[in-house]
Each structure stands twice: as structure tokens, then as C-alpha cells.
Amino acid sequence: MSVQSLPRSFFTDDVLSIAPQLPGKYIVMNNGHHHEKYKITEVEAYRGEEDLACHASKGRTRRNEIMYAEGGHIYVYLIYGMYWMLNFVTGKTGNPQAVLIRCLEGYYGPGILTRRLGIDGTYYGEDLVSSDRIWVEDNIPKGKIISCPRIGVDYAGKYWKNKPWRFILDVRSHASSDKL
């Protein structure tokens, strides 16, 4: 475990509080020889059984069981039989919430970033607070966090599709302020 990893208390708050704080922070991977840091630039929040875009909307299953755990664990699942999706579980035990990591600096798309990081099904349930192979480190984002509707969730209906629960680090706002 990293001495600088975010504490459990960071992950046990509501997903709508945590998700906008993640862009700008770093995912750290320990490959056994050294640590590689990747800046989180885009995430999406999924909030419980009432959220029709959330995997928990149909209740507890073997696939989403970890979403019902205390925040700070990893929820990964396979889509299209080839792409692993990386999510951080948030909230209190029994209240299924998660943040999908959509983009890292230089890696655009959740399937692309998991391939780059080597994330697969073995990460399911991994504890971000105590893991020695993956954790999240704090960083003060240099840029504004913007929110917009989630993507790829048309199946959930207009109300849930249009929730502004996608959070993006807008580095252009920082770059332009540097020139002033």
C-alpha cells in the first residue's frame, strides 16, 4: 500500500460528492519494479438501485455484488467480451454506487485505459486503500471540472441519460489562465 493513497473515508461519501473530486487525481500502478502514475481526466457517476443506468438498478447480482460493499473497492466488468471497465465503489455498505473511470491523460476511453494498465477480472473487489498493486493518490487539479450528461446510457431513459453525472477535467481553463 502507498503511504500517499487516499483514505477509506474519501471513498465512503456519496458518489455525487466523490466523482467530481476524482479528475486530476492519479491512479498509481505498481508493476513490481516501479510505480506508474496516470492522471484521471474523466469519470461518470452511477448512483444506486434507483439510477436506471446503474448496474444495481435490477438489484444485487453476482456481477455487481462488490458495488454493495463499503467504498474503496474496485468493480470491474467485461463488455463486448473484450473490454474491462474500471469502477471505484463509493458510499456506505449496502448502498451500491460506483464511479466509472472513462479517461486518463493520454488514454481516451475506458476500454483503452484498462488495456494500458493491465486491468482485468483479477482486480474485481481489490481494495484501493490497502492494495499494493493499484491505488489512488491525491493531487490538486490544474483546471476546472465540468459536468455534462453521461454517455452510452440511452437504455436508461431520457431522465437518467441526461443526468449531468459525467465529470471532466478541463485543462484548457488552466492553460488559458497561465497566459494571463
Protein backbone atom coordinates (compact mmCIF):
# COMPACT_ATOMS: atom_id res chain seq x y z
CA MET A 1 0.00 0.00 0.00
CA SER A 2 1.14 3.51 -0.76
CA VAL A 3 1.60 5.92 2.11
CA GLN A 4 0.01 8.54 -0.15
CA SER A 5 -3.08 6.54 -1.12
CA LEU A 6 -6.45 8.15 -0.46
CA PRO A 7 -8.01 7.02 2.83
CA ARG A 8 -11.17 4.92 3.10
CA SER A 9 -13.08 7.99 4.27
CA PHE A 10 -12.62 9.58 0.83
CA PHE A 11 -14.48 6.71 -0.85
CA THR A 12 -17.33 6.32 1.67
CA ASP A 13 -19.08 9.57 0.82
CA ASP A 14 -21.88 9.78 -1.76
CA VAL A 15 -20.83 9.16 -5.37
CA LEU A 16 -22.01 12.63 -6.42
CA SER A 17 -19.55 14.14 -3.96
CA ILE A 18 -16.66 11.83 -4.87
CA ALA A 19 -16.94 11.70 -8.68
CA PRO A 20 -16.22 15.41 -9.29
CA GLN A 21 -13.19 15.15 -7.00
CA LEU A 22 -11.52 12.33 -8.96
CA PRO A 23 -10.49 14.16 -12.15
CA GLY A 24 -6.97 15.41 -11.56
CA LYS A 25 -6.07 12.67 -9.07
CA TYR A 26 -3.71 9.84 -10.01
CA ILE A 27 -4.21 6.12 -10.38
CA VAL A 28 -0.93 4.50 -9.37
CA MET A 29 0.03 1.08 -10.68
CA ASN A 30 2.82 -0.93 -9.06
CA ASN A 31 4.31 -3.19 -11.73
CA GLY A 32 6.76 -4.77 -9.28
CA HIS A 33 9.73 -2.68 -10.38
CA HIS A 34 8.41 0.86 -10.20
CA HIS A 35 5.20 2.86 -9.85
CA GLU A 36 3.44 4.37 -12.87
CA LYS A 37 1.07 7.30 -12.33
CA TYR A 38 -1.87 8.11 -14.59
CA LYS A 39 -3.92 11.29 -14.21
CA ILE A 40 -7.68 10.74 -14.18
CA THR A 41 -9.34 13.14 -16.63
CA GLU A 42 -12.92 11.90 -17.00
CA VAL A 43 -15.35 9.87 -14.87
CA GLU A 44 -19.06 9.04 -14.66
CA ALA A 45 -21.16 8.53 -11.53
CA TYR A 46 -23.68 5.69 -11.09
CA ARG A 47 -25.91 6.05 -8.05
CA GLY A 48 -27.77 3.11 -6.62
CA GLU A 49 -30.73 0.96 -7.46
CA GLU A 50 -32.90 3.96 -8.36
CA ASP A 51 -30.47 5.01 -11.16
CA LEU A 52 -31.65 3.09 -14.22
CA ALA A 53 -28.21 3.46 -15.84
CA CYS A 54 -26.53 1.78 -12.85
CA HIS A 55 -25.79 -1.96 -12.83
CA ALA A 56 -27.54 -2.14 -9.46
CA SER A 57 -30.86 -0.92 -10.90
CA LYS A 58 -32.08 -4.52 -11.14
CA GLY A 59 -30.83 -5.40 -7.65
CA ARG A 60 -27.93 -7.41 -6.30
CA THR A 61 -26.33 -9.99 -8.62
CA ARG A 62 -23.08 -11.95 -8.71
CA ARG A 63 -21.77 -9.43 -11.25
CA ASN A 64 -22.44 -6.31 -9.16
CA GLU A 65 -22.07 -7.76 -5.63
CA ILE A 66 -18.98 -5.64 -4.89
CA MET A 67 -20.99 -2.46 -5.52
CA TYR A 68 -22.80 -3.19 -2.26
CA ALA A 69 -19.52 -3.17 -0.28
CA GLU A 70 -18.04 -0.21 1.54
CA GLY A 71 -16.49 2.40 -0.76
CA GLY A 72 -12.88 2.00 -1.82
CA HIS A 73 -13.11 -1.28 -3.72
CA ILE A 74 -12.78 -1.93 -7.44
CA TYR A 75 -15.70 -3.06 -9.57
CA VAL A 76 -14.61 -4.35 -12.97
CA TYR A 77 -16.80 -5.97 -15.58
CA LEU A 78 -16.31 -7.16 -19.13
CA ILE A 79 -18.23 -5.66 -22.06
CA TYR A 80 -18.42 -6.93 -25.63
CA GLY A 81 -16.38 -9.89 -24.44
CA MET A 82 -13.17 -7.87 -24.73
CA TYR A 83 -13.09 -4.63 -22.71
CA TRP A 84 -12.79 -4.41 -18.93
CA MET A 85 -14.44 -1.36 -17.35
CA LEU A 86 -12.77 0.07 -14.23
CA ASN A 87 -15.03 1.46 -11.50
CA PHE A 88 -14.38 2.65 -7.96
CA VAL A 89 -17.09 1.67 -5.47
CA THR A 90 -18.25 4.56 -3.30
CA GLY A 91 -20.61 5.11 -0.41
CA LYS A 92 -21.64 3.09 2.61
CA THR A 93 -22.10 -0.68 2.76
CA GLY A 94 -25.41 -1.74 1.21
CA ASN A 95 -25.79 1.40 -0.94
CA PRO A 96 -24.49 0.44 -4.42
CA GLN A 97 -22.65 3.31 -6.07
CA ALA A 98 -19.64 3.46 -8.36
CA VAL A 99 -17.55 5.81 -10.48
CA LEU A 100 -16.58 4.63 -13.96
CA ILE A 101 -13.09 5.78 -14.92
CA ARG A 102 -13.63 6.90 -18.53
CA CYS A 103 -10.31 8.55 -19.44
CA LEU A 104 -6.79 9.04 -18.22
CA GLU A 105 -4.43 11.67 -19.57
CA GLY A 106 -3.32 10.30 -22.95
CA TYR A 107 -5.75 7.35 -22.89
CA TYR A 108 -9.25 8.15 -24.12
CA GLY A 109 -11.87 5.52 -23.50
CA PRO A 110 -12.48 3.13 -20.62
CA GLY A 111 -11.51 0.01 -22.61
CA ILE A 112 -8.28 1.59 -23.87
CA LEU A 113 -7.15 2.66 -20.41
CA THR A 114 -7.77 -0.74 -18.82
CA ARG A 115 -5.74 -2.41 -21.56
CA ARG A 116 -2.89 0.05 -20.98
CA LEU A 117 -2.97 -0.51 -17.23
CA GLY A 118 -3.42 -4.29 -17.48
CA ILE A 119 -6.72 -4.20 -15.59
CA ASP A 120 -8.69 -7.44 -15.88
CA GLY A 121 -11.09 -9.56 -13.85
CA THR A 122 -8.47 -10.25 -11.17
CA TYR A 123 -8.98 -6.67 -9.96
CA TYR A 124 -12.64 -7.32 -9.04
CA GLY A 125 -13.01 -6.47 -5.34
CA GLU A 126 -9.46 -5.13 -4.96
CA ASP A 127 -9.22 -2.68 -2.06
CA LEU A 128 -7.84 0.68 -3.27
CA VAL A 129 -6.88 1.59 0.28
CA SER A 130 -4.70 -1.43 1.08
CA SER A 131 -3.69 -2.79 -2.34
CA ASP A 132 -0.01 -2.99 -3.22
CA ARG A 133 -0.71 -3.07 -6.98
CA ILE A 134 -3.21 -0.20 -7.52
CA TRP A 135 -4.26 2.85 -5.53
CA VAL A 136 -5.32 6.48 -5.96
CA GLU A 137 -3.16 9.43 -4.91
CA ASP A 138 -4.32 12.94 -4.25
CA ASN A 139 -3.46 15.83 -6.49
CA ILE A 140 -4.82 19.33 -6.80
CA PRO A 141 -6.32 19.51 -10.29
CA LYS A 142 -4.99 22.23 -12.55
CA GLY A 143 -8.13 23.07 -14.43
CA LYS A 144 -11.85 23.36 -14.00
CA ILE A 145 -14.08 20.32 -13.52
CA ILE A 146 -17.02 20.46 -15.91
CA SER A 147 -20.11 18.25 -15.78
CA CYS A 148 -22.29 17.00 -18.60
CA PRO A 149 -24.67 14.10 -19.30
CA ARG A 150 -23.39 10.54 -19.20
CA ILE A 151 -22.85 8.77 -22.49
CA GLY A 152 -23.84 5.33 -23.71
CA VAL A 153 -26.82 5.02 -21.37
CA ASP A 154 -29.77 5.66 -23.71
CA TYR A 155 -31.35 2.43 -22.44
CA ALA A 156 -31.96 4.10 -19.06
CA GLY A 157 -34.42 6.63 -20.48
CA LYS A 158 -34.23 10.37 -21.00
CA TYR A 159 -34.35 11.31 -17.30
CA TRP A 160 -31.35 9.16 -16.30
CA LYS A 161 -29.47 9.65 -19.57
CA ASN A 162 -29.49 13.42 -19.11
CA LYS A 163 -28.20 13.48 -15.54
CA PRO A 164 -25.05 15.67 -15.58
CA TRP A 165 -23.06 12.96 -13.82
CA ARG A 166 -20.07 12.88 -16.17
CA PHE A 167 -17.15 14.92 -14.83
CA ILE A 168 -14.24 16.07 -16.99
CA LEU A 169 -11.03 17.88 -16.12
CA ASP A 170 -10.94 20.87 -18.48
CA VAL A 171 -7.22 21.61 -18.69
CA ARG A 172 -7.88 24.34 -21.26
CA SER A 173 -9.16 26.58 -18.45
CA HIS A 174 -5.80 26.19 -16.68
CA ALA A 175 -3.73 26.63 -19.83
CA SER A 176 -5.53 29.85 -20.76
CA SER A 177 -5.16 31.28 -17.24
CA ASP A 178 -1.39 30.59 -17.40
CA LYS A 179 -1.14 33.03 -20.33
CA LEU A 180 -2.78 35.92 -18.46
